[in-house]
Amino acid sequence: MMDRVKKLEADQVIVFAFSRFARSTMRLLKGLQIFKDCQTRFVSITENIDTESSMGVAMFTILGSLAQLERSLIKERVKAGMRNVKAKGNLIGRVRKRNSVLIESLLEAQLSYREIARIAKCSYGSVHAQKKEYLARKAKEQQQKLHELKNKITESRPENPVETMKSMNVSDEIIQQVQIKIETDARDKVREIIGGANYETYD
């Protein structure tokens, strides 16, 4: 609709209520400016406002501000209510009924969504939601392990950090990630020292 207004293909725009056109005062004012520039008349039936008059523009802006204020107040009341419920120790939202441990075990076994949903007696959506939580948790744990390993290596400064990690029964994947991280940090430090000039490295 606004594209047609900008192309000067609309003489007037009529809406049931001004809130159907804009949800914030900024959008409302921006839209009114576009209508003005394109010489398009704007009419709101519910509020009986016509932008052909100066009074109509003023009233429209005031009503838009009041509507935005009302939405902000509702939002604050909802947040306050949720904080009150949490403070009392009550749960917000639906109670989780899926067996998270079982679903994650089946995911590790690389079963399909259909098989997992049948065994765990849940929907495909529940399986997908649990998979997202599982992957996010695993990624966080992986990052934490990398951070701890990097700190240990930095503090101890061993002659052979790879052997040290191997002695700790660290997986090859994590060892490789730590090596890449250390090498990247070293390169960044060199660039910082030499001011970004080009350089070559030799093993």
N, C-alpha and C. Protein backbone atom coordinates (compact mmCIF):
# COMPACT_ATOMS: atom_id res chain seq x y z
N MET A 1 0.82 -1.20 0.00
CA MET A 1 0.00 0.00 0.00
C MET A 1 0.86 1.26 0.00
N MET A 2 1.87 1.28 0.87
CA MET A 2 2.72 2.47 0.94
C MET A 2 3.53 2.64 -0.34
N ASP A 3 3.88 1.53 -0.99
CA ASP A 3 4.58 1.65 -2.27
C ASP A 3 3.71 2.33 -3.30
N ARG A 4 2.43 2.01 -3.31
CA ARG A 4 1.52 2.66 -4.25
C ARG A 4 1.35 4.13 -3.91
N VAL A 5 1.37 4.44 -2.61
CA VAL A 5 1.27 5.86 -2.20
C VAL A 5 2.48 6.62 -2.70
N LYS A 6 3.68 6.02 -2.53
CA LYS A 6 4.91 6.69 -2.97
C LYS A 6 4.98 6.85 -4.48
N LYS A 7 4.30 5.94 -5.20
CA LYS A 7 4.28 6.04 -6.67
C LYS A 7 3.16 6.97 -7.15
N LEU A 8 2.50 7.63 -6.19
CA LEU A 8 1.42 8.58 -6.49
C LEU A 8 0.24 7.89 -7.16
N GLU A 9 0.00 6.65 -6.77
CA GLU A 9 -1.10 5.88 -7.34
C GLU A 9 -2.32 5.86 -6.42
N ALA A 10 -2.25 6.56 -5.28
CA ALA A 10 -3.37 6.58 -4.33
C ALA A 10 -3.72 8.02 -3.98
N ASP A 11 -4.98 8.37 -4.16
CA ASP A 11 -5.44 9.72 -3.80
C ASP A 11 -5.74 9.82 -2.31
N GLN A 12 -6.20 8.71 -1.71
CA GLN A 12 -6.49 8.72 -0.29
C GLN A 12 -6.40 7.31 0.28
N VAL A 13 -6.11 7.25 1.58
CA VAL A 13 -6.03 5.98 2.31
C VAL A 13 -7.03 6.04 3.45
N ILE A 14 -7.90 5.03 3.53
CA ILE A 14 -8.94 5.00 4.57
C ILE A 14 -8.73 3.75 5.41
N VAL A 15 -8.67 3.93 6.74
CA VAL A 15 -8.50 2.80 7.65
C VAL A 15 -9.64 2.77 8.66
N PHE A 16 -9.87 1.60 9.24
CA PHE A 16 -10.93 1.49 10.24
C PHE A 16 -10.58 2.25 11.52
N ALA A 17 -9.30 2.10 11.95
CA ALA A 17 -8.82 2.81 13.14
C ALA A 17 -7.34 3.13 12.94
N PHE A 18 -6.88 4.21 13.53
CA PHE A 18 -5.49 4.62 13.29
C PHE A 18 -4.49 3.60 13.80
N SER A 19 -4.88 2.80 14.83
CA SER A 19 -3.97 1.78 15.37
C SER A 19 -3.74 0.66 14.37
N ARG A 20 -4.61 0.53 13.37
CA ARG A 20 -4.43 -0.48 12.34
C ARG A 20 -3.34 -0.09 11.35
N PHE A 21 -2.97 1.18 11.36
CA PHE A 21 -1.96 1.65 10.42
C PHE A 21 -0.57 1.71 11.05
N ALA A 22 -0.47 2.17 12.30
CA ALA A 22 0.83 2.34 12.94
C ALA A 22 0.75 1.91 14.40
N ARG A 23 1.83 1.27 14.86
CA ARG A 23 1.89 0.79 16.24
C ARG A 23 2.75 1.68 17.13
N SER A 24 3.39 2.68 16.55
CA SER A 24 4.21 3.58 17.34
C SER A 24 4.07 4.99 16.80
N THR A 25 4.35 5.98 17.64
CA THR A 25 4.23 7.37 17.23
C THR A 25 5.19 7.70 16.10
N MET A 26 6.41 7.14 16.14
CA MET A 26 7.40 7.42 15.11
C MET A 26 6.92 6.94 13.74
N ARG A 27 6.36 5.75 13.69
CA ARG A 27 5.85 5.23 12.43
C ARG A 27 4.65 6.03 11.95
N LEU A 28 3.85 6.44 12.90
CA LEU A 28 2.68 7.25 12.58
C LEU A 28 3.10 8.57 11.93
N LEU A 29 4.03 9.27 12.57
CA LEU A 29 4.48 10.55 12.05
C LEU A 29 5.18 10.38 10.71
N LYS A 30 5.96 9.29 10.56
CA LYS A 30 6.65 9.03 9.30
C LYS A 30 5.63 8.80 8.18
N GLY A 31 4.58 8.02 8.52
CA GLY A 31 3.55 7.76 7.52
C GLY A 31 2.82 9.04 7.13
N LEU A 32 2.50 9.87 8.11
CA LEU A 32 1.82 11.13 7.83
C LEU A 32 2.66 12.04 6.94
N GLN A 33 3.98 12.03 7.17
CA GLN A 33 4.86 12.86 6.36
C GLN A 33 4.87 12.35 4.91
N ILE A 34 4.85 11.02 4.75
CA ILE A 34 4.81 10.45 3.39
C ILE A 34 3.51 10.83 2.70
N PHE A 35 2.39 10.73 3.44
CA PHE A 35 1.10 11.11 2.85
C PHE A 35 1.10 12.59 2.44
N LYS A 36 1.71 13.41 3.29
CA LYS A 36 1.77 14.84 3.00
C LYS A 36 2.62 15.11 1.76
N ASP A 37 3.79 14.46 1.69
CA ASP A 37 4.67 14.67 0.54
C ASP A 37 4.05 14.18 -0.76
N CYS A 38 3.27 13.11 -0.66
CA CYS A 38 2.66 12.52 -1.86
C CYS A 38 1.25 13.06 -2.11
N GLN A 39 0.84 14.02 -1.26
CA GLN A 39 -0.48 14.64 -1.40
C GLN A 39 -1.59 13.59 -1.37
N THR A 40 -1.48 12.68 -0.40
CA THR A 40 -2.46 11.62 -0.20
C THR A 40 -3.27 11.90 1.06
N ARG A 41 -4.56 11.86 0.92
CA ARG A 41 -5.45 12.10 2.06
C ARG A 41 -5.54 10.85 2.92
N PHE A 42 -5.50 11.02 4.25
CA PHE A 42 -5.57 9.90 5.18
C PHE A 42 -6.79 10.09 6.08
N VAL A 43 -7.64 9.05 6.14
CA VAL A 43 -8.88 9.13 6.92
C VAL A 43 -8.99 7.92 7.84
N SER A 44 -9.28 8.19 9.12
CA SER A 44 -9.54 7.12 10.09
C SER A 44 -11.01 7.17 10.47
N ILE A 45 -11.73 6.09 10.20
CA ILE A 45 -13.18 6.08 10.41
C ILE A 45 -13.53 6.11 11.89
N THR A 46 -12.88 5.26 12.69
CA THR A 46 -13.21 5.16 14.12
C THR A 46 -12.98 6.47 14.85
N GLU A 47 -11.82 7.08 14.62
CA GLU A 47 -11.51 8.34 15.31
C GLU A 47 -12.09 9.56 14.61
N ASN A 48 -12.69 9.37 13.42
CA ASN A 48 -13.28 10.46 12.66
C ASN A 48 -12.27 11.59 12.43
N ILE A 49 -11.08 11.19 11.96
CA ILE A 49 -9.99 12.14 11.76
C ILE A 49 -9.63 12.19 10.28
N ASP A 50 -9.46 13.38 9.78
CA ASP A 50 -9.12 13.59 8.38
C ASP A 50 -7.88 14.48 8.33
N THR A 51 -6.82 14.01 7.68
CA THR A 51 -5.57 14.77 7.65
C THR A 51 -5.60 15.93 6.67
N GLU A 52 -6.75 16.17 6.08
CA GLU A 52 -6.86 17.33 5.19
C GLU A 52 -6.78 18.63 6.00
N SER A 53 -7.11 18.54 7.28
CA SER A 53 -7.11 19.74 8.13
C SER A 53 -5.93 19.69 9.11
N SER A 54 -5.48 20.85 9.55
CA SER A 54 -4.39 20.95 10.52
C SER A 54 -4.81 20.35 11.85
N MET A 55 -6.06 20.56 12.24
CA MET A 55 -6.55 20.01 13.49
C MET A 55 -6.55 18.47 13.43
N GLY A 56 -6.84 17.92 12.26
CA GLY A 56 -6.84 16.47 12.10
C GLY A 56 -5.45 15.89 12.32
N VAL A 57 -4.43 16.56 11.77
CA VAL A 57 -3.05 16.10 11.95
C VAL A 57 -2.66 16.17 13.41
N ALA A 58 -3.01 17.25 14.09
CA ALA A 58 -2.66 17.41 15.50
C ALA A 58 -3.34 16.35 16.36
N MET A 59 -4.63 16.13 16.13
CA MET A 59 -5.36 15.14 16.91
C MET A 59 -4.83 13.73 16.65
N PHE A 60 -4.49 13.46 15.40
CA PHE A 60 -3.97 12.14 15.05
C PHE A 60 -2.67 11.86 15.81
N THR A 61 -1.79 12.86 15.89
CA THR A 61 -0.51 12.70 16.59
C THR A 61 -0.72 12.49 18.08
N ILE A 62 -1.66 13.23 18.65
CA ILE A 62 -1.94 13.11 20.08
C ILE A 62 -2.50 11.72 20.40
N LEU A 63 -3.45 11.27 19.59
CA LEU A 63 -4.03 9.95 19.82
C LEU A 63 -3.00 8.84 19.65
N GLY A 64 -2.10 9.01 18.68
CA GLY A 64 -1.04 8.03 18.49
C GLY A 64 -0.13 7.95 19.70
N SER A 65 0.19 9.11 20.29
CA SER A 65 1.04 9.15 21.48
C SER A 65 0.36 8.46 22.66
N LEU A 66 -0.94 8.68 22.82
CA LEU A 66 -1.68 8.06 23.92
C LEU A 66 -1.76 6.54 23.74
N ALA A 67 -1.92 6.10 22.50
CA ALA A 67 -1.98 4.66 22.24
C ALA A 67 -0.64 4.00 22.56
N GLN A 68 0.45 4.65 22.19
CA GLN A 68 1.77 4.10 22.49
C GLN A 68 2.01 4.08 23.99
N LEU A 69 1.58 5.12 24.69
CA LEU A 69 1.71 5.16 26.15
C LEU A 69 0.92 4.02 26.79
N GLU A 70 -0.27 3.76 26.28
CA GLU A 70 -1.10 2.69 26.83
C GLU A 70 -0.43 1.33 26.63
N ARG A 71 0.16 1.10 25.46
CA ARG A 71 0.84 -0.17 25.22
C ARG A 71 2.06 -0.33 26.13
N SER A 72 2.77 0.79 26.36
CA SER A 72 3.94 0.74 27.24
C SER A 72 3.53 0.41 28.68
N LEU A 73 2.41 1.00 29.12
CA LEU A 73 1.93 0.73 30.47
C LEU A 73 1.49 -0.73 30.62
N ILE A 74 0.83 -1.25 29.59
CA ILE A 74 0.41 -2.66 29.63
C ILE A 74 1.62 -3.57 29.70
N LYS A 75 2.64 -3.24 28.90
CA LYS A 75 3.87 -4.04 28.88
C LYS A 75 4.54 -4.04 30.24
N GLU A 76 4.60 -2.88 30.89
CA GLU A 76 5.22 -2.78 32.21
C GLU A 76 4.41 -3.56 33.25
N ARG A 77 3.07 -3.51 33.14
CA ARG A 77 2.24 -4.25 34.08
C ARG A 77 2.44 -5.76 33.92
N VAL A 78 2.56 -6.21 32.68
CA VAL A 78 2.79 -7.64 32.43
C VAL A 78 4.13 -8.07 33.03
N LYS A 79 5.19 -7.26 32.81
CA LYS A 79 6.51 -7.58 33.35
C LYS A 79 6.48 -7.62 34.87
N ALA A 80 5.78 -6.64 35.47
CA ALA A 80 5.69 -6.60 36.92
C ALA A 80 4.97 -7.83 37.45
N GLY A 81 3.91 -8.26 36.74
CA GLY A 81 3.18 -9.45 37.15
C GLY A 81 4.03 -10.70 37.07
N MET A 82 4.85 -10.82 36.01
CA MET A 82 5.73 -11.97 35.85
C MET A 82 6.79 -12.00 36.94
N ARG A 83 7.34 -10.82 37.27
CA ARG A 83 8.33 -10.76 38.36
C ARG A 83 7.71 -11.19 39.68
N ASN A 84 6.47 -10.79 39.91
CA ASN A 84 5.78 -11.15 41.15
C ASN A 84 5.56 -12.66 41.24
N VAL A 85 5.17 -13.26 40.09
CA VAL A 85 4.94 -14.71 40.07
C VAL A 85 6.25 -15.46 40.32
N LYS A 86 7.35 -15.01 39.69
CA LYS A 86 8.65 -15.66 39.89
C LYS A 86 9.11 -15.52 41.33
N ALA A 87 8.86 -14.33 41.93
CA ALA A 87 9.28 -14.10 43.32
C ALA A 87 8.57 -15.05 44.28
N LYS A 88 7.37 -15.46 43.92
CA LYS A 88 6.60 -16.38 44.77
C LYS A 88 6.97 -17.84 44.52
N GLY A 89 7.88 -18.04 43.56
CA GLY A 89 8.33 -19.40 43.27
C GLY A 89 7.42 -20.19 42.36
N ASN A 90 6.50 -19.52 41.68
CA ASN A 90 5.58 -20.21 40.79
C ASN A 90 6.16 -20.26 39.37
N LEU A 91 5.78 -21.28 38.62
CA LEU A 91 6.24 -21.43 37.25
C LEU A 91 5.38 -20.61 36.31
N ILE A 92 6.01 -20.10 35.24
CA ILE A 92 5.31 -19.33 34.22
C ILE A 92 5.26 -20.15 32.95
N GLY A 93 4.08 -20.29 32.37
CA GLY A 93 3.94 -21.04 31.13
C GLY A 93 3.53 -22.48 31.40
N ARG A 94 3.52 -23.25 30.32
CA ARG A 94 3.09 -24.64 30.43
C ARG A 94 4.14 -25.50 31.15
N VAL A 95 3.66 -26.54 31.83
CA VAL A 95 4.55 -27.47 32.50
C VAL A 95 5.14 -28.42 31.46
N ARG A 96 6.46 -28.59 31.48
CA ARG A 96 7.10 -29.48 30.52
C ARG A 96 6.78 -30.93 30.88
N LYS A 97 6.28 -31.65 29.88
CA LYS A 97 5.91 -33.04 30.10
C LYS A 97 6.83 -34.02 29.38
N ARG A 98 7.65 -33.54 28.46
CA ARG A 98 8.50 -34.46 27.70
C ARG A 98 9.65 -34.97 28.57
N ASN A 99 10.11 -36.16 28.26
CA ASN A 99 11.21 -36.79 28.97
C ASN A 99 12.52 -36.32 28.32
N SER A 100 13.10 -35.27 28.85
CA SER A 100 14.28 -34.65 28.24
C SER A 100 15.47 -35.61 28.20
N VAL A 101 15.69 -36.34 29.28
CA VAL A 101 16.83 -37.26 29.35
C VAL A 101 16.71 -38.36 28.30
N LEU A 102 15.52 -38.92 28.17
CA LEU A 102 15.30 -39.98 27.19
C LEU A 102 15.49 -39.45 25.77
N ILE A 103 14.93 -38.30 25.49
CA ILE A 103 15.04 -37.72 24.14
C ILE A 103 16.50 -37.46 23.78
N GLU A 104 17.28 -36.91 24.72
CA GLU A 104 18.68 -36.62 24.45
C GLU A 104 19.48 -37.92 24.24
N SER A 105 19.14 -38.95 24.98
CA SER A 105 19.82 -40.24 24.81
C SER A 105 19.54 -40.80 23.42
N LEU A 106 18.32 -40.66 22.96
CA LEU A 106 17.94 -41.14 21.63
C LEU A 106 18.57 -40.28 20.54
N LEU A 107 18.72 -39.01 20.80
CA LEU A 107 19.39 -38.14 19.84
C LEU A 107 20.85 -38.52 19.68
N GLU A 108 21.50 -38.84 20.80
CA GLU A 108 22.90 -39.27 20.75
C GLU A 108 23.04 -40.59 20.00
N ALA A 109 21.98 -41.41 20.05
CA ALA A 109 21.99 -42.67 19.31
C ALA A 109 21.66 -42.46 17.84
N GLN A 110 21.43 -41.18 17.46
CA GLN A 110 21.17 -40.79 16.08
C GLN A 110 19.91 -41.42 15.50
N LEU A 111 18.88 -41.52 16.33
CA LEU A 111 17.59 -41.99 15.84
C LEU A 111 16.86 -40.84 15.14
N SER A 112 15.93 -41.16 14.30
CA SER A 112 15.18 -40.15 13.57
C SER A 112 14.14 -39.50 14.49
N TYR A 113 13.65 -38.34 14.07
CA TYR A 113 12.63 -37.64 14.85
C TYR A 113 11.40 -38.55 15.02
N ARG A 114 11.03 -39.25 13.96
CA ARG A 114 9.85 -40.12 14.02
C ARG A 114 10.03 -41.20 15.09
N GLU A 115 11.20 -41.84 15.11
CA GLU A 115 11.45 -42.91 16.07
C GLU A 115 11.50 -42.37 17.49
N ILE A 116 12.17 -41.21 17.66
CA ILE A 116 12.27 -40.61 19.00
C ILE A 116 10.89 -40.22 19.52
N ALA A 117 10.08 -39.59 18.65
CA ALA A 117 8.74 -39.16 19.06
C ALA A 117 7.88 -40.37 19.45
N ARG A 118 8.04 -41.49 18.74
CA ARG A 118 7.27 -42.70 19.05
C ARG A 118 7.70 -43.30 20.39
N ILE A 119 9.02 -43.38 20.60
CA ILE A 119 9.52 -43.98 21.84
C ILE A 119 9.24 -43.10 23.05
N ALA A 120 9.50 -41.79 22.90
CA ALA A 120 9.32 -40.86 24.02
C ALA A 120 7.87 -40.41 24.19
N LYS A 121 7.00 -40.81 23.23
CA LYS A 121 5.58 -40.45 23.28
C LYS A 121 5.38 -38.94 23.34
N CYS A 122 6.00 -38.26 22.37
CA CYS A 122 5.87 -36.81 22.30
C CYS A 122 5.78 -36.41 20.84
N SER A 123 5.63 -35.11 20.58
CA SER A 123 5.50 -34.61 19.22
C SER A 123 6.87 -34.36 18.60
N TYR A 124 6.89 -34.18 17.27
CA TYR A 124 8.13 -33.83 16.59
C TYR A 124 8.66 -32.49 17.10
N GLY A 125 7.73 -31.57 17.39
CA GLY A 125 8.12 -30.25 17.90
C GLY A 125 8.87 -30.34 19.21
N SER A 126 8.43 -31.26 20.08
CA SER A 126 9.10 -31.45 21.37
C SER A 126 10.51 -31.99 21.17
N VAL A 127 10.65 -32.91 20.21
CA VAL A 127 11.97 -33.47 19.92
C VAL A 127 12.90 -32.37 19.40
N HIS A 128 12.37 -31.55 18.49
CA HIS A 128 13.20 -30.47 17.91
C HIS A 128 13.60 -29.46 18.99
N ALA A 129 12.65 -29.11 19.85
CA ALA A 129 12.93 -28.14 20.92
C ALA A 129 14.00 -28.68 21.86
N GLN A 130 13.90 -29.97 22.20
CA GLN A 130 14.90 -30.57 23.09
C GLN A 130 16.25 -30.65 22.43
N LYS A 131 16.27 -30.89 21.11
CA LYS A 131 17.54 -30.94 20.37
C LYS A 131 18.23 -29.58 20.39
N LYS A 132 17.46 -28.50 20.23
CA LYS A 132 18.03 -27.16 20.27
C LYS A 132 18.64 -26.88 21.64
N GLU A 133 17.94 -27.25 22.70
CA GLU A 133 18.47 -27.06 24.06
C GLU A 133 19.74 -27.89 24.25
N TYR A 134 19.71 -29.11 23.76
CA TYR A 134 20.84 -30.03 23.92
C TYR A 134 22.08 -29.49 23.21
N LEU A 135 21.91 -29.05 21.96
CA LEU A 135 23.04 -28.52 21.19
C LEU A 135 23.58 -27.24 21.81
N ALA A 136 22.69 -26.38 22.30
CA ALA A 136 23.12 -25.13 22.92
C ALA A 136 23.92 -25.41 24.20
N ARG A 137 23.46 -26.38 24.97
CA ARG A 137 24.16 -26.74 26.20
C ARG A 137 25.52 -27.35 25.91
N LYS A 138 25.58 -28.23 24.90
CA LYS A 138 26.84 -28.85 24.52
C LYS A 138 27.84 -27.81 24.01
N ALA A 139 27.34 -26.85 23.23
CA ALA A 139 28.22 -25.80 22.71
C ALA A 139 28.78 -24.96 23.86
N LYS A 140 27.93 -24.67 24.84
CA LYS A 140 28.38 -23.89 26.00
C LYS A 140 29.42 -24.65 26.79
N GLU A 141 29.18 -25.94 26.98
CA GLU A 141 30.15 -26.77 27.72
C GLU A 141 31.47 -26.85 26.97
N GLN A 142 31.40 -26.95 25.64
CA GLN A 142 32.61 -27.02 24.82
C GLN A 142 33.43 -25.74 24.95
N GLN A 143 32.74 -24.60 24.90
CA GLN A 143 33.43 -23.32 25.04
C GLN A 143 34.06 -23.17 26.41
N GLN A 144 33.37 -23.67 27.43
CA GLN A 144 33.90 -23.60 28.79
C GLN A 144 35.16 -24.44 28.93
N LYS A 145 35.14 -25.63 28.32
CA LYS A 145 36.32 -26.48 28.36
C LYS A 145 37.50 -25.85 27.64
N LEU A 146 37.23 -25.24 26.48
CA LEU A 146 38.29 -24.58 25.74
C LEU A 146 38.88 -23.42 26.54
N HIS A 147 38.01 -22.69 27.21
CA HIS A 147 38.47 -21.55 28.02
C HIS A 147 39.34 -22.03 29.18
N GLU A 148 38.92 -23.10 29.85
CA GLU A 148 39.70 -23.63 30.97
C GLU A 148 41.04 -24.17 30.51
N LEU A 149 41.06 -24.88 29.38
CA LEU A 149 42.30 -25.41 28.86
C LEU A 149 43.27 -24.30 28.47
N LYS A 150 42.73 -23.27 27.84
CA LYS A 150 43.58 -22.14 27.43
C LYS A 150 44.21 -21.48 28.65
N ASN A 151 43.40 -21.31 29.71
CA ASN A 151 43.93 -20.69 30.93
C ASN A 151 45.02 -21.54 31.56
N LYS A 152 44.80 -22.86 31.60
CA LYS A 152 45.81 -23.75 32.18
C LYS A 152 47.10 -23.71 31.39
N ILE A 153 46.99 -23.71 30.08
CA ILE A 153 48.19 -23.68 29.23
C ILE A 153 48.92 -22.36 29.38
N THR A 154 48.15 -21.27 29.43
CA THR A 154 48.75 -19.94 29.56
C THR A 154 49.47 -19.79 30.90
N GLU A 155 48.85 -20.31 31.97
CA GLU A 155 49.43 -20.17 33.30
C GLU A 155 50.68 -21.05 33.46
N SER A 156 50.60 -22.29 33.00
CA SER A 156 51.72 -23.20 33.20
C SER A 156 52.84 -23.01 32.19
N ARG A 157 52.49 -22.50 30.98
CA ARG A 157 53.46 -22.30 29.91
C ARG A 157 54.33 -23.53 29.70
N PRO A 158 53.76 -24.68 29.39
CA PRO A 158 54.57 -25.89 29.21
C PRO A 158 55.36 -25.82 27.92
N GLU A 159 56.41 -26.63 27.84
CA GLU A 159 57.20 -26.66 26.63
C GLU A 159 56.42 -27.32 25.49
N ASN A 160 55.58 -28.26 25.81
CA ASN A 160 54.79 -28.95 24.80
C ASN A 160 53.33 -29.01 25.28
N PRO A 161 52.52 -27.99 24.97
CA PRO A 161 51.13 -27.95 25.44
C PRO A 161 50.29 -29.09 24.89
N VAL A 162 50.61 -29.57 23.67
CA VAL A 162 49.84 -30.66 23.08
C VAL A 162 49.97 -31.91 23.92
N GLU A 163 51.21 -32.23 24.36
CA GLU A 163 51.43 -33.41 25.19
C GLU A 163 50.71 -33.27 26.53
N THR A 164 50.70 -32.04 27.04
CA THR A 164 50.02 -31.81 28.31
C THR A 164 48.53 -32.11 28.19
N MET A 165 47.91 -31.64 27.09
CA MET A 165 46.49 -31.88 26.89
C MET A 165 46.21 -33.36 26.66
N LYS A 166 47.12 -34.03 25.95
CA LYS A 166 46.93 -35.46 25.72
C LYS A 166 46.98 -36.23 27.04
N SER A 167 47.86 -35.77 27.94
CA SER A 167 47.96 -36.44 29.24
C SER A 167 46.70 -36.25 30.08
N MET A 168 45.92 -35.22 29.71
CA MET A 168 44.67 -34.95 30.41
C MET A 168 43.49 -35.66 29.73
N ASN A 169 43.81 -36.53 28.75
CA ASN A 169 42.79 -37.28 28.02
C ASN A 169 41.81 -36.35 27.30
N VAL A 170 42.34 -35.26 26.75
CA VAL A 170 41.52 -34.32 25.98
C VAL A 170 41.38 -34.85 24.56
N SER A 171 40.19 -34.69 23.97
CA SER A 171 39.95 -35.20 22.63
C SER A 171 40.78 -34.43 21.60
N ASP A 172 41.06 -35.10 20.47
CA ASP A 172 41.84 -34.47 19.41
C ASP A 172 41.15 -33.23 18.86
N GLU A 173 39.83 -33.26 18.83
CA GLU A 173 39.08 -32.10 18.30
C GLU A 173 39.30 -30.87 19.15
N ILE A 174 39.25 -31.05 20.47
CA ILE A 174 39.45 -29.91 21.37
C ILE A 174 40.90 -29.44 21.30
N ILE A 175 41.85 -30.37 21.21
CA ILE A 175 43.27 -30.00 21.11
C ILE A 175 43.49 -29.15 19.87
N GLN A 176 42.88 -29.55 18.77
CA GLN A 176 43.03 -28.79 17.53
C GLN A 176 42.42 -27.40 17.66
N GLN A 177 41.27 -27.30 18.30
CA GLN A 177 40.62 -26.01 18.48
C GLN A 177 41.47 -25.09 19.37
N VAL A 178 42.06 -25.68 20.41
CA VAL A 178 42.93 -24.88 21.29
C VAL A 178 44.14 -24.38 20.53
N GLN A 179 44.75 -25.25 19.71
CA GLN A 179 45.91 -24.85 18.92
C GLN A 179 45.56 -23.71 17.98
N ILE A 180 44.43 -23.84 17.30
CA ILE A 180 44.00 -22.78 16.38
C ILE A 180 43.78 -21.48 17.13
N LYS A 181 43.18 -21.57 18.32
CA LYS A 181 42.91 -20.38 19.12
C LYS A 181 44.20 -19.70 19.55
N ILE A 182 45.16 -20.50 20.02
CA ILE A 182 46.44 -19.95 20.47
C ILE A 182 47.18 -19.29 19.31
N GLU A 183 47.20 -19.98 18.15
CA GLU A 183 47.88 -19.42 16.98
C GLU A 183 47.22 -18.14 16.50
N THR A 184 45.90 -18.12 16.52
CA THR A 184 45.18 -16.92 16.11
C THR A 184 45.46 -15.75 17.03
N ASP A 185 45.44 -16.02 18.35
CA ASP A 185 45.76 -14.96 19.32
C ASP A 185 47.18 -14.44 19.13
N ALA A 186 48.11 -15.36 18.83
CA ALA A 186 49.50 -14.96 18.62
C ALA A 186 49.63 -14.05 17.40
N ARG A 187 48.95 -14.43 16.32
CA ARG A 187 48.99 -13.59 15.11
C ARG A 187 48.39 -12.21 15.36
N ASP A 188 47.26 -12.21 16.09
CA ASP A 188 46.62 -10.93 16.41
C ASP A 188 47.55 -10.05 17.25
N LYS A 189 48.28 -10.69 18.18
CA LYS A 189 49.21 -9.94 19.03
C LYS A 189 50.35 -9.35 18.21
N VAL A 190 50.85 -10.14 17.24
CA VAL A 190 51.92 -9.64 16.37
C VAL A 190 51.43 -8.46 15.55
N ARG A 191 50.21 -8.60 14.99
CA ARG A 191 49.65 -7.50 14.19
C ARG A 191 49.50 -6.24 15.04
N GLU A 192 49.10 -6.45 16.31
CA GLU A 192 48.93 -5.29 17.20
C GLU A 192 50.27 -4.61 17.46
N ILE A 193 51.32 -5.42 17.62
CA ILE A 193 52.64 -4.86 17.92
C ILE A 193 53.22 -4.12 16.72
N ILE A 194 53.08 -4.74 15.52
CA ILE A 194 53.70 -4.13 14.34
C ILE A 194 52.78 -3.17 13.61
N GLY A 195 51.60 -2.94 14.21
CA GLY A 195 50.71 -1.94 13.63
C GLY A 195 50.01 -2.37 12.36
N GLY A 196 49.76 -3.63 12.19
CA GLY A 196 49.02 -4.12 11.05
C GLY A 196 49.84 -4.33 9.80
N ALA A 197 51.16 -4.18 9.86
CA ALA A 197 52.00 -4.39 8.68
C ALA A 197 52.04 -5.88 8.31
N ASN A 198 52.34 -6.16 7.04
CA ASN A 198 52.43 -7.54 6.59
C ASN A 198 53.66 -8.23 7.17
N TYR A 199 53.55 -9.54 7.41
CA TYR A 199 54.68 -10.28 7.94
C TYR A 199 54.53 -11.74 7.56
N GLU A 200 55.59 -12.50 7.66
CA GLU A 200 55.57 -13.93 7.37
C GLU A 200 55.97 -14.70 8.60
N THR A 201 55.42 -15.90 8.73
CA THR A 201 55.74 -16.75 9.88
C THR A 201 56.42 -18.02 9.39
N TYR A 202 57.34 -18.56 10.23
CA TYR A 202 58.04 -19.79 9.88
C TYR A 202 57.98 -20.74 11.06
N ASP A 203 57.65 -22.00 10.80
CA ASP A 203 57.60 -23.01 11.87
C ASP A 203 59.02 -23.41 12.29
